[in-house]
């Protein structure tokens, strides 16, 4: 604040430097905000894929399991 009140060359240079830092800080924060938003979108997208992939693996495991043989009936049968 003091650098904007003073009228010397050095005070003006400091004031300009401070403004540049704030602009850079705002750009960095907005870039990180966009990056965080994109990361959240990817996370949501792959979250769905995880459940779908898990379902596929379960189906493959069921197909790989040997079929159950029916047990023969117990007792004497006359045909």
N, C-alpha and C. Protein backbone atom coordinates (compact mmCIF):
# COMPACT_ATOMS: atom_id res chain seq x y z
N UNK A 1 0.83 -1.19 0.00
CA UNK A 1 0.00 0.00 0.00
C UNK A 1 0.87 1.25 0.00
N UNK A 2 1.94 1.18 0.74
CA UNK A 2 2.84 2.33 0.84
C UNK A 2 3.48 2.63 -0.51
N UNK A 3 3.79 1.57 -1.28
CA UNK A 3 4.45 1.78 -2.57
C UNK A 3 3.53 2.49 -3.55
N UNK A 4 2.20 2.37 -3.38
CA UNK A 4 1.29 3.08 -4.29
C UNK A 4 1.10 4.54 -3.87
N UNK A 5 1.42 4.87 -2.62
CA UNK A 5 1.28 6.25 -2.14
C UNK A 5 2.52 7.06 -2.46
N UNK A 6 3.69 6.43 -2.35
CA UNK A 6 4.93 7.14 -2.61
C UNK A 6 5.10 7.40 -4.09
N UNK A 7 5.82 8.47 -4.44
CA UNK A 7 5.95 8.88 -5.83
C UNK A 7 7.35 8.67 -6.40
N UNK A 8 8.22 7.99 -5.71
CA UNK A 8 9.58 7.80 -6.22
C UNK A 8 9.57 6.71 -7.29
N UNK A 9 10.67 6.68 -8.09
CA UNK A 9 10.79 5.68 -9.15
C UNK A 9 10.81 4.27 -8.56
N UNK A 10 11.52 4.14 -7.48
CA UNK A 10 11.64 2.83 -6.83
C UNK A 10 10.27 2.37 -6.31
N UNK A 11 9.50 3.27 -5.72
CA UNK A 11 8.17 2.91 -5.22
C UNK A 11 7.26 2.49 -6.36
N UNK A 12 7.37 3.15 -7.49
CA UNK A 12 6.57 2.79 -8.67
C UNK A 12 6.97 1.41 -9.17
N UNK A 13 8.28 1.13 -9.22
CA UNK A 13 8.76 -0.18 -9.66
C UNK A 13 8.28 -1.29 -8.72
N UNK A 14 8.33 -1.02 -7.42
CA UNK A 14 7.87 -2.00 -6.45
C UNK A 14 6.36 -2.23 -6.61
N UNK A 15 5.61 -1.17 -6.81
CA UNK A 15 4.17 -1.29 -7.00
C UNK A 15 3.85 -2.12 -8.24
N UNK A 16 4.55 -1.89 -9.34
CA UNK A 16 4.36 -2.67 -10.57
C UNK A 16 4.71 -4.14 -10.33
N UNK A 17 5.82 -4.37 -9.62
CA UNK A 17 6.23 -5.74 -9.34
C UNK A 17 5.18 -6.46 -8.49
N UNK A 18 4.62 -5.75 -7.50
CA UNK A 18 3.58 -6.34 -6.66
C UNK A 18 2.36 -6.69 -7.49
N UNK A 19 1.96 -5.81 -8.38
CA UNK A 19 0.80 -6.08 -9.22
C UNK A 19 1.06 -7.28 -10.12
N UNK A 20 2.25 -7.39 -10.66
CA UNK A 20 2.60 -8.54 -11.51
C UNK A 20 2.55 -9.84 -10.72
N UNK A 21 3.02 -9.79 -9.49
CA UNK A 21 2.97 -10.99 -8.64
C UNK A 21 1.53 -11.41 -8.39
N UNK A 22 0.66 -10.45 -8.10
CA UNK A 22 -0.75 -10.78 -7.86
C UNK A 22 -1.42 -11.33 -9.12
N UNK A 23 -1.09 -10.78 -10.27
CA UNK A 23 -1.64 -11.29 -11.53
C UNK A 23 -1.17 -12.72 -11.76
N UNK A 24 0.12 -12.96 -11.55
CA UNK A 24 0.68 -14.30 -11.72
C UNK A 24 0.05 -15.28 -10.73
N UNK A 25 -0.14 -14.83 -9.51
CA UNK A 25 -0.77 -15.67 -8.48
C UNK A 25 -2.20 -16.02 -8.89
N UNK A 26 -2.94 -15.06 -9.38
CA UNK A 26 -4.31 -15.32 -9.83
C UNK A 26 -4.33 -16.30 -11.00
N UNK A 27 -3.41 -16.15 -11.95
CA UNK A 27 -3.32 -17.07 -13.08
C UNK A 27 -2.99 -18.48 -12.61
N UNK A 28 -2.06 -18.59 -11.67
CA UNK A 28 -1.66 -19.89 -11.15
C UNK A 28 -2.82 -20.57 -10.43
N UNK A 29 -3.53 -19.79 -9.61
CA UNK A 29 -4.67 -20.36 -8.89
C UNK A 29 -5.77 -20.81 -9.84
N UNK A 30 -6.03 -20.03 -10.87
CA UNK A 30 -7.07 -20.43 -11.82
C UNK A 30 -6.64 -21.65 -12.61
N UNK A 31 -5.35 -21.75 -12.93
CA UNK A 31 -4.85 -22.92 -13.65
C UNK A 31 -4.98 -24.16 -12.77
N UNK A 32 -4.67 -24.04 -11.50
CA UNK A 32 -4.80 -25.18 -10.59
C UNK A 32 -6.26 -25.55 -10.37
N UNK A 33 -7.12 -24.55 -10.40
CA UNK A 33 -8.55 -24.80 -10.23
C UNK A 33 -9.06 -25.61 -11.43
N UNK A 34 -8.66 -25.21 -12.63
CA UNK A 34 -9.05 -25.94 -13.83
C UNK A 34 -8.48 -27.35 -13.82
N UNK A 35 -7.23 -27.47 -13.40
CA UNK A 35 -6.59 -28.78 -13.33
C UNK A 35 -7.30 -29.68 -12.32
N UNK A 36 -7.65 -29.12 -11.17
CA UNK A 36 -8.37 -29.89 -10.16
C UNK A 36 -9.74 -30.33 -10.67
N UNK A 37 -10.40 -29.45 -11.41
CA UNK A 37 -11.71 -29.79 -11.96
C UNK A 37 -11.59 -30.91 -13.00
N UNK A 38 -10.59 -30.83 -13.87
CA UNK A 38 -10.38 -31.87 -14.86
C UNK A 38 -10.02 -33.19 -14.20
N UNK A 39 -9.23 -33.14 -13.16
CA UNK A 39 -8.86 -34.34 -12.42
C UNK A 39 -10.10 -34.98 -11.79
N UNK A 40 -10.98 -34.18 -11.25
CA UNK A 40 -12.22 -34.69 -10.67
C UNK A 40 -13.10 -35.35 -11.74
N UNK A 41 -13.15 -34.74 -12.91
CA UNK A 41 -13.94 -35.31 -14.01
C UNK A 41 -13.37 -36.66 -14.42
N UNK A 42 -12.05 -36.75 -14.53
CA UNK A 42 -11.41 -38.02 -14.88
C UNK A 42 -11.67 -39.07 -13.82
N UNK A 43 -11.61 -38.65 -12.58
CA UNK A 43 -11.83 -39.57 -11.47
C UNK A 43 -13.25 -40.14 -11.54
N UNK A 44 -14.22 -39.28 -11.81
CA UNK A 44 -15.61 -39.75 -11.93
C UNK A 44 -15.77 -40.69 -13.11
N UNK A 45 -15.11 -40.37 -14.22
CA UNK A 45 -15.22 -41.20 -15.42
C UNK A 45 -14.63 -42.59 -15.16
N UNK A 46 -13.47 -42.66 -14.56
CA UNK A 46 -12.83 -43.94 -14.33
C UNK A 46 -13.48 -44.71 -13.19
N UNK A 47 -14.18 -44.01 -12.32
CA UNK A 47 -14.90 -44.68 -11.25
C UNK A 47 -15.96 -45.60 -11.85
N UNK A 48 -16.63 -45.13 -12.90
CA UNK A 48 -17.62 -45.95 -13.60
C UNK A 48 -16.93 -47.12 -14.27
N UNK A 49 -15.77 -46.87 -14.85
CA UNK A 49 -15.04 -47.92 -15.55
C UNK A 49 -14.61 -49.01 -14.58
N UNK A 50 -14.23 -48.62 -13.37
CA UNK A 50 -13.80 -49.61 -12.39
C UNK A 50 -14.90 -50.63 -12.12
N UNK A 51 -16.11 -50.16 -11.94
CA UNK A 51 -17.21 -51.09 -11.67
C UNK A 51 -17.51 -51.94 -12.89
N UNK A 52 -17.39 -51.35 -14.07
CA UNK A 52 -17.65 -52.11 -15.29
C UNK A 52 -16.57 -53.18 -15.49
N UNK A 53 -15.32 -52.83 -15.24
CA UNK A 53 -14.23 -53.79 -15.37
C UNK A 53 -14.40 -54.90 -14.34
N UNK A 54 -14.79 -54.56 -13.13
CA UNK A 54 -15.01 -55.56 -12.10
C UNK A 54 -16.11 -56.53 -12.52
N UNK A 55 -17.17 -56.03 -13.12
CA UNK A 55 -18.27 -56.86 -13.60
C UNK A 55 -17.78 -57.81 -14.69
N UNK A 56 -16.93 -57.31 -15.58
CA UNK A 56 -16.37 -58.15 -16.65
C UNK A 56 -15.53 -59.28 -16.06
N UNK A 57 -14.70 -58.95 -15.07
CA UNK A 57 -13.87 -59.98 -14.45
C UNK A 57 -14.73 -61.04 -13.76
N UNK A 58 -15.77 -60.62 -13.11
CA UNK A 58 -16.66 -61.58 -12.45
C UNK A 58 -17.31 -62.51 -13.47
N UNK A 59 -17.73 -61.95 -14.60
CA UNK A 59 -18.33 -62.76 -15.65
C UNK A 59 -17.32 -63.76 -16.21
N UNK A 60 -16.09 -63.33 -16.41
CA UNK A 60 -15.04 -64.21 -16.91
C UNK A 60 -14.76 -65.33 -15.91
N UNK A 61 -14.72 -65.01 -14.64
CA UNK A 61 -14.50 -66.05 -13.61
C UNK A 61 -15.62 -67.08 -13.61
N UNK A 62 -16.84 -66.62 -13.79
CA UNK A 62 -17.96 -67.55 -13.85
C UNK A 62 -17.86 -68.46 -15.06
N UNK A 63 -17.41 -67.92 -16.19
CA UNK A 63 -17.26 -68.73 -17.40
C UNK A 63 -16.11 -69.73 -17.25
N UNK A 64 -15.09 -69.37 -16.49
CA UNK A 64 -13.93 -70.25 -16.31
C UNK A 64 -14.22 -71.38 -15.31
N UNK A 65 -15.18 -71.19 -14.44
CA UNK A 65 -15.49 -72.21 -13.42
C UNK A 65 -16.09 -73.43 -14.11
N UNK A 66 -15.68 -74.63 -13.70
CA UNK A 66 -16.24 -75.83 -14.31
C UNK A 66 -17.73 -75.95 -13.96
N UNK A 67 -18.50 -76.44 -14.92
CA UNK A 67 -19.94 -76.56 -14.64
C UNK A 67 -20.19 -77.63 -13.59
N UNK A 68 -21.19 -77.42 -12.80
CA UNK A 68 -21.53 -78.40 -11.76
C UNK A 68 -22.23 -79.58 -12.43
N UNK A 69 -21.75 -80.79 -12.09
CA UNK A 69 -22.37 -82.00 -12.63
C UNK A 69 -23.58 -82.32 -11.77
N UNK A 70 -24.68 -82.68 -12.41
CA UNK A 70 -25.85 -83.04 -11.59
C UNK A 70 -25.58 -84.34 -10.84
N UNK A 71 -25.97 -84.36 -9.61
CA UNK A 71 -25.76 -85.56 -8.79
C UNK A 71 -26.79 -86.62 -9.19
N UNK A 72 -26.33 -87.87 -9.28
CA UNK A 72 -27.29 -88.92 -9.62
C UNK A 72 -28.25 -89.13 -8.45
N UNK A 73 -29.48 -89.44 -8.76
CA UNK A 73 -30.45 -89.65 -7.69
C UNK A 73 -30.06 -90.88 -6.84
N UNK A 74 -30.38 -90.82 -5.60
CA UNK A 74 -30.05 -91.89 -4.68
C UNK A 74 -31.22 -92.90 -4.66
N UNK A 75 -30.86 -94.16 -4.67
CA UNK A 75 -31.89 -95.21 -4.55
C UNK A 75 -31.95 -96.07 -5.80
N UNK A 76 -32.88 -97.01 -5.74
CA UNK A 76 -33.06 -97.96 -6.83
C UNK A 76 -34.14 -97.43 -7.77
N UNK A 77 -33.85 -97.50 -9.05
CA UNK A 77 -34.81 -97.03 -10.06
C UNK A 77 -35.12 -98.15 -11.03
N UNK A 78 -36.34 -98.41 -11.26
CA UNK A 78 -36.75 -99.43 -12.23
C UNK A 78 -37.24 -98.72 -13.48
N UNK A 79 -36.60 -99.02 -14.56
CA UNK A 79 -37.01 -98.38 -15.81
C UNK A 79 -37.97 -99.21 -16.60
